[in-house]
């Protein structure tokens, strides 16, 4: 998913799947474009997901997956406790935070620096939204111009899916 999975939808989807297929493993994957995916993964786990995807903290968020440390900490001392040592997660994250600096010039998110809930309006995946911004900015003179570009792109995507 492109970060579109909201907590209530995750609970409903996984709950319905778990009820219909009680013995089949359920694996949930979502990106964190809007910044709500930690809550969505917690809701999915509560509803019966066997696996939820996360990313080490220093590599999480935006077009990546939700924060591993946040999910691990959120389920400590609950029935969903992972038994993963949060200190180990933090050490692992610190290593990748240093390594990530080497690749900074290649980051896809040079223009998208924080969660953005407009993903729920235009339903365009974060990476595509970032690329669209990079390609379209030279034509935009205001934020409202970019909103028009996103609306038009959403329409094009929908039409292409229908064809």
C-alpha atoms as a PDB file:
ATOM      1  CA  UNK A   1       0.000   0.000   0.000  1.00  0.00           C
ATOM      2  CA  UNK A   2       1.014   3.576  -0.455  1.00  0.00           C
ATOM      3  CA  UNK A   3       0.472   4.660   3.115  1.00  0.00           C
ATOM      4  CA  UNK A   4      -3.292   4.717   2.629  1.00  0.00           C
ATOM      5  CA  UNK A   5      -4.089   2.110   5.279  1.00  0.00           C
ATOM      6  CA  UNK A   6      -5.770   3.872   8.205  1.00  0.00           C
ATOM      7  CA  UNK A   7      -5.970   2.182  11.629  1.00  0.00           C
ATOM      8  CA  UNK A   8      -9.715   1.503  11.537  1.00  0.00           C
ATOM      9  CA  UNK A   9      -9.469   0.088   8.009  1.00  0.00           C
ATOM     10  CA  UNK A  10      -6.551  -2.139   9.077  1.00  0.00           C
ATOM     11  CA  UNK A  11      -8.584  -3.480  11.974  1.00  0.00           C
ATOM     12  CA  UNK A  12     -11.627  -4.122   9.761  1.00  0.00           C
ATOM     13  CA  UNK A  13      -9.627  -5.714   6.933  1.00  0.00           C
ATOM     14  CA  UNK A  14      -7.469  -7.960   9.082  1.00  0.00           C
ATOM     15  CA  UNK A  15     -10.406  -8.818  11.340  1.00  0.00           C
ATOM     16  CA  UNK A  16     -12.514  -9.917   8.361  1.00  0.00           C
ATOM     17  CA  UNK A  17      -9.637 -11.929   6.872  1.00  0.00           C
ATOM     18  CA  UNK A  18      -8.851 -13.557  10.214  1.00  0.00           C
ATOM     19  CA  UNK A  19     -12.507 -14.506  10.721  1.00  0.00           C
ATOM     20  CA  UNK A  20     -12.831 -16.048   7.251  1.00  0.00           C
ATOM     21  CA  UNK A  21      -9.338 -17.644   7.171  1.00  0.00           C
ATOM     22  CA  UNK A  22      -8.373 -18.396  10.772  1.00  0.00           C
ATOM     23  CA  UNK A  23      -5.401 -20.627   9.885  1.00  0.00           C
ATOM     24  CA  UNK A  24      -3.777 -18.633   7.106  1.00  0.00           C
ATOM     25  CA  UNK A  25      -0.921 -16.280   8.051  1.00  0.00           C
ATOM     26  CA  UNK A  26      -1.751 -12.601   7.536  1.00  0.00           C
ATOM     27  CA  UNK A  27       1.141 -10.294   6.621  1.00  0.00           C
ATOM     28  CA  UNK A  28       0.444  -6.531   6.502  1.00  0.00           C
ATOM     29  CA  UNK A  29       2.617  -4.081   4.589  1.00  0.00           C
ATOM     30  CA  UNK A  30       2.132  -0.341   4.324  1.00  0.00           C
ATOM     31  CA  UNK A  31       4.217   2.742   3.816  1.00  0.00           C
ATOM     32  CA  UNK A  32       4.153   5.682   6.216  1.00  0.00           C
ATOM     33  CA  UNK A  33       3.395   8.509   3.801  1.00  0.00           C
ATOM     34  CA  UNK A  34       0.833  10.213   6.049  1.00  0.00           C
ATOM     35  CA  UNK A  35       2.602   9.294   9.274  1.00  0.00           C
ATOM     36  CA  UNK A  36      -0.227   7.073  10.577  1.00  0.00           C
ATOM     37  CA  UNK A  37       1.204   3.642   9.824  1.00  0.00           C
ATOM     38  CA  UNK A  38       2.461   2.856  13.328  1.00  0.00           C
ATOM     39  CA  UNK A  39      -1.162   3.107  14.491  1.00  0.00           C
ATOM     40  CA  UNK A  40      -2.284   1.049  11.489  1.00  0.00           C
ATOM     41  CA  UNK A  41       0.234  -1.723  12.210  1.00  0.00           C
ATOM     42  CA  UNK A  42      -0.817  -1.803  15.878  1.00  0.00           C
ATOM     43  CA  UNK A  43      -4.478  -2.060  14.820  1.00  0.00           C
ATOM     44  CA  UNK A  44      -3.622  -4.834  12.352  1.00  0.00           C
ATOM     45  CA  UNK A  45      -1.751  -6.783  15.039  1.00  0.00           C
ATOM     46  CA  UNK A  46      -4.616  -6.342  17.483  1.00  0.00           C
ATOM     47  CA  UNK A  47      -7.037  -7.649  14.837  1.00  0.00           C
ATOM     48  CA  UNK A  48      -4.969 -10.792  14.282  1.00  0.00           C
ATOM     49  CA  UNK A  49      -2.185 -10.066  11.792  1.00  0.00           C
ATOM     50  CA  UNK A  50       0.708 -12.477  12.186  1.00  0.00           C
ATOM     51  CA  UNK A  51       3.311 -10.162  10.656  1.00  0.00           C
ATOM     52  CA  UNK A  52       3.470  -6.390  10.211  1.00  0.00           C
ATOM     53  CA  UNK A  53       6.266  -4.759   8.251  1.00  0.00           C
ATOM     54  CA  UNK A  54       8.382  -2.083   9.906  1.00  0.00           C
ATOM     55  CA  UNK A  55      11.686  -0.356   9.164  1.00  0.00           C
ATOM     56  CA  UNK A  56      14.544   0.432  11.509  1.00  0.00           C
ATOM     57  CA  UNK A  57      13.856   3.870  12.995  1.00  0.00           C
ATOM     58  CA  UNK A  58      16.537   5.773  11.078  1.00  0.00           C
ATOM     59  CA  UNK A  59      15.218   4.414   7.775  1.00  0.00           C
ATOM     60  CA  UNK A  60      11.487   4.604   8.567  1.00  0.00           C
ATOM     61  CA  UNK A  61       8.687   6.992   7.719  1.00  0.00           C
ATOM     62  CA  UNK A  62       7.489   8.696   4.556  1.00  0.00           C
ATOM     63  CA  UNK A  63       7.832   6.324   1.607  1.00  0.00           C
ATOM     64  CA  UNK A  64       9.361   3.689   3.892  1.00  0.00           C
ATOM     65  CA  UNK A  65       7.590   1.591   6.509  1.00  0.00           C
ATOM     66  CA  UNK A  66       6.613   2.678  10.032  1.00  0.00           C
ATOM     67  CA  UNK A  67       9.189   2.858  12.830  1.00  0.00           C
ATOM     68  CA  UNK A  68      10.292  -0.468  14.293  1.00  0.00           C
ATOM     69  CA  UNK A  69      11.180   1.144  17.616  1.00  0.00           C
ATOM     70  CA  UNK A  70       7.774   2.789  17.918  1.00  0.00           C
ATOM     71  CA  UNK A  71       5.953  -0.479  17.233  1.00  0.00           C
ATOM     72  CA  UNK A  72       8.210  -2.512  19.545  1.00  0.00           C
ATOM     73  CA  UNK A  73       7.836   0.039  22.367  1.00  0.00           C
ATOM     74  CA  UNK A  74       4.077   0.292  21.859  1.00  0.00           C
ATOM     75  CA  UNK A  75       3.501  -3.425  22.380  1.00  0.00           C
ATOM     76  CA  UNK A  76       5.857  -3.979  25.309  1.00  0.00           C
ATOM     77  CA  UNK A  77       4.128  -5.696  28.245  1.00  0.00           C
ATOM     78  CA  UNK A  78       1.031  -6.456  26.131  1.00  0.00           C
ATOM     79  CA  UNK A  79      -0.148  -9.737  24.601  1.00  0.00           C
ATOM     80  CA  UNK A  80       1.634  -8.634  21.406  1.00  0.00           C
ATOM     81  CA  UNK A  81       5.030  -8.048  23.065  1.00  0.00           C
ATOM     82  CA  UNK A  82       7.728  -8.904  20.518  1.00  0.00           C
ATOM     83  CA  UNK A  83      10.431  -9.596  23.129  1.00  0.00           C
ATOM     84  CA  UNK A  84      12.738  -7.475  20.973  1.00  0.00           C
ATOM     85  CA  UNK A  85      15.138  -5.417  23.091  1.00  0.00           C
ATOM     86  CA  UNK A  86      14.418  -1.740  22.415  1.00  0.00           C
ATOM     87  CA  UNK A  87      18.049  -0.862  23.258  1.00  0.00           C
ATOM     88  CA  UNK A  88      19.197  -3.201  20.481  1.00  0.00           C
ATOM     89  CA  UNK A  89      16.764  -1.535  18.068  1.00  0.00           C
ATOM     90  CA  UNK A  90      18.232   1.852  19.018  1.00  0.00           C
ATOM     91  CA  UNK A  91      21.819   0.655  18.492  1.00  0.00           C
ATOM     92  CA  UNK A  92      20.918  -0.860  15.136  1.00  0.00           C
ATOM     93  CA  UNK A  93      19.176   2.363  14.147  1.00  0.00           C
ATOM     94  CA  UNK A  94      22.199   4.470  15.133  1.00  0.00           C
ATOM     95  CA  UNK A  95      24.409   2.419  12.800  1.00  0.00           C
ATOM     96  CA  UNK A  96      22.038   2.905   9.853  1.00  0.00           C
ATOM     97  CA  UNK A  97      21.603   6.591  10.650  1.00  0.00           C
ATOM     98  CA  UNK A  98      25.346   7.033  10.043  1.00  0.00           C
ATOM     99  CA  UNK A  99      25.340   4.835   6.930  1.00  0.00           C
ATOM    100  CA  UNK A 100      22.330   6.677   5.512  1.00  0.00           C
ATOM    101  CA  UNK A 101      24.248   9.964   5.477  1.00  0.00           C
ATOM    102  CA  UNK A 102      26.517   8.492   2.800  1.00  0.00           C
ATOM    103  CA  UNK A 103      23.524   8.042   0.525  1.00  0.00           C
ATOM    104  CA  UNK A 104      21.815  11.375   1.249  1.00  0.00           C
ATOM    105  CA  UNK A 105      22.255  12.703  -2.301  1.00  0.00           C
ATOM    106  CA  UNK A 106      20.319   9.711  -3.629  1.00  0.00           C
ATOM    107  CA  UNK A 107      17.330  10.016  -1.291  1.00  0.00           C
ATOM    108  CA  UNK A 108      13.980  10.011  -3.054  1.00  0.00           C
ATOM    109  CA  UNK A 109      12.492  12.382  -0.542  1.00  0.00           C
ATOM    110  CA  UNK A 110      14.454  15.559  -1.094  1.00  0.00           C
ATOM    111  CA  UNK A 111      11.222  17.553  -1.348  1.00  0.00           C
ATOM    112  CA  UNK A 112       9.017  15.493   0.966  1.00  0.00           C
ATOM    113  CA  UNK A 113      10.386  15.849   4.475  1.00  0.00           C
ATOM    114  CA  UNK A 114       7.456  14.910   6.697  1.00  0.00           C
ATOM    115  CA  UNK A 115       4.259  12.907   6.714  1.00  0.00           C
ATOM    116  CA  UNK A 116       1.587  14.331   4.502  1.00  0.00           C
ATOM    117  CA  UNK A 117      -2.102  13.512   4.882  1.00  0.00           C
ATOM    118  CA  UNK A 118      -2.957  14.702   1.370  1.00  0.00           C
ATOM    119  CA  UNK A 119      -2.245  11.089   0.376  1.00  0.00           C
ATOM    120  CA  UNK A 120      -5.783  10.403   1.630  1.00  0.00           C
ATOM    121  CA  UNK A 121      -7.182  12.984  -0.795  1.00  0.00           C
ATOM    122  CA  UNK A 122      -5.287  12.189  -3.988  1.00  0.00           C
ATOM    123  CA  UNK A 123      -4.322   8.562  -3.208  1.00  0.00           C
ATOM    124  CA  UNK A 124      -1.008   8.949  -5.024  1.00  0.00           C
ATOM    125  CA  UNK A 125       1.851   6.890  -3.567  1.00  0.00           C
ATOM    126  CA  UNK A 126       4.480   8.942  -1.762  1.00  0.00           C
ATOM    127  CA  UNK A 127       7.295   8.166  -4.184  1.00  0.00           C
ATOM    128  CA  UNK A 128       5.172   9.127  -7.166  1.00  0.00           C
ATOM    129  CA  UNK A 129       4.048  12.262  -5.365  1.00  0.00           C
ATOM    130  CA  UNK A 130       7.699  13.205  -4.679  1.00  0.00           C
ATOM    131  CA  UNK A 131       8.690  12.596  -8.294  1.00  0.00           C
ATOM    132  CA  UNK A 132       5.704  14.567  -9.518  1.00  0.00           C
ATOM    133  CA  UNK A 133       6.707  17.446  -7.277  1.00  0.00           C
ATOM    134  CA  UNK A 134      10.274  17.374  -8.578  1.00  0.00           C
ATOM    135  CA  UNK A 135       9.125  17.290 -12.214  1.00  0.00           C
ATOM    136  CA  UNK A 136       6.301  19.798 -11.849  1.00  0.00           C
ATOM    137  CA  UNK A 137       7.667  22.488  -9.554  1.00  0.00           C
ATOM    138  CA  UNK A 138       9.192  24.510 -12.343  1.00  0.00           C
ATOM    139  CA  UNK A 139       5.657  24.985 -13.740  1.00  0.00           C
ATOM    140  CA  UNK A 140       4.038  25.774 -10.390  1.00  0.00           C
ATOM    141  CA  UNK A 141       3.983  29.266  -9.012  1.00  0.00           C
ATOM    142  CA  UNK A 142       1.984  28.461  -5.864  1.00  0.00           C
ATOM    143  CA  UNK A 143       0.923  25.617  -3.594  1.00  0.00           C
ATOM    144  CA  UNK A 144      -2.529  25.680  -5.196  1.00  0.00           C
ATOM    145  CA  UNK A 145      -0.872  25.026  -8.582  1.00  0.00           C
ATOM    146  CA  UNK A 146       0.678  21.865  -7.165  1.00  0.00           C
ATOM    147  CA  UNK A 147      -2.701  20.761  -5.773  1.00  0.00           C
ATOM    148  CA  UNK A 148      -4.089  21.080  -9.300  1.00  0.00           C
ATOM    149  CA  UNK A 149      -1.229  18.936 -10.634  1.00  0.00           C
ATOM    150  CA  UNK A 150      -2.007  16.240  -8.028  1.00  0.00           C
ATOM    151  CA  UNK A 151      -5.724  16.319  -8.848  1.00  0.00           C
ATOM    152  CA  UNK A 152      -4.988  15.952 -12.554  1.00  0.00           C
ATOM    153  CA  UNK A 153      -2.494  13.159 -11.910  1.00  0.00           C
ATOM    154  CA  UNK A 154      -5.046  11.328  -9.737  1.00  0.00           C
ATOM    155  CA  UNK A 155      -7.541  11.527 -12.595  1.00  0.00           C
ATOM    156  CA  UNK A 156      -4.970  10.204 -15.093  1.00  0.00           C
ATOM    157  CA  UNK A 157      -4.096   7.281 -12.807  1.00  0.00           C
ATOM    158  CA  UNK A 158      -7.781   6.386 -12.323  1.00  0.00           C
ATOM    159  CA  UNK A 159      -8.431   6.550 -16.074  1.00  0.00           C
ATOM    160  CA  UNK A 160      -5.395   4.351 -16.796  1.00  0.00           C
ATOM    161  CA  UNK A 161      -6.606   1.758 -14.261  1.00  0.00           C
ATOM    162  CA  UNK A 162     -10.010   1.703 -15.957  1.00  0.00           C
ATOM    163  CA  UNK A 163      -8.575   1.195 -19.441  1.00  0.00           C
END
